[in-house]
Amino acid sequence: MLKPAARPVRLALFDLDGTLLPTDSDHAFGEFLVRIGWADGASHRRANDRFYADYLAGTLDMAAYVNFATAPWRGRDAAELAAVTERFLDQVARPALHPAALALVERHRQAGDRLAIVTATNEFVTRPIAELFGVGTLIATELERDACGRVTGAIRGVPAFQAGKIARVEGWLAACGLSWADVERSTFYSDSPNDLPLLEHVSHPVATNPTPRLAEIAVARGWPVLRLFEAS
């Protein structure tokens, strides 16, 4: 008996910050920690802004940033962290959800594509946001934990940043028993030139709410440009 033909594998990959969200979740979480008194306002904001500028310039030291970004909360107990995360979702993340971004994700879901959010921001900040979008696969920068499960401030494995996003997506595919060769169509949405390696790797790159530099590259290469947050 002939086996039924395997269903074609189609990927829909989404950057998060600036792409599905009109803000940067990691930077916003840092600002939120300042507001609730978990981080010193002046010094934390200066460093947070400096790291964010480095990210925009493509020069971010991920290890240094993760150590800085996790320092205000990694010593807190689980109950405290859960309560603060819920406050952040209610006050910052949920209000930032945009109907056009939700509709984009849903369109790919209805088409039967395999969905993944692929973000440089750490998993602690982004996992609950991925859940708000209903996306079960999160490929984010993972945090090292000690024997007691506490975050150490270091990165575990390859950070999902720049070319690291390709490696992390390949790892996800391998865990599913797949490789890029099995993928019929791959779409990646991103706003940032930091994501050029993965944008160049997929079959259908989409510059989404792009920075001026990425917009120029997209026009030069004939990539579609999508602006989710502009008023219709």
Foldseek 3Di string as FASTA:
>chain_A
DDDDDDDAAEEEEEAPAVFQFVHGQLLVVLVLCCVVPLDPPPVSNVVSVVQVVCVQVLNHPLLVVLLSSCVSPLVDDPVVLVVSLVVCCVPPLVVRGDPLSLVVLVVCVVVVHQYEYQYLAECSRCVVSCVVSVHPHYHAFYFDADPVRTGDSGTDDQGSWQLSVVVSVQVVQVVVVHGPVRHPFYEYEEAGPRNVNVQVVGPAYENESHDPVVVVVCVVVVHHYHYRPDDD
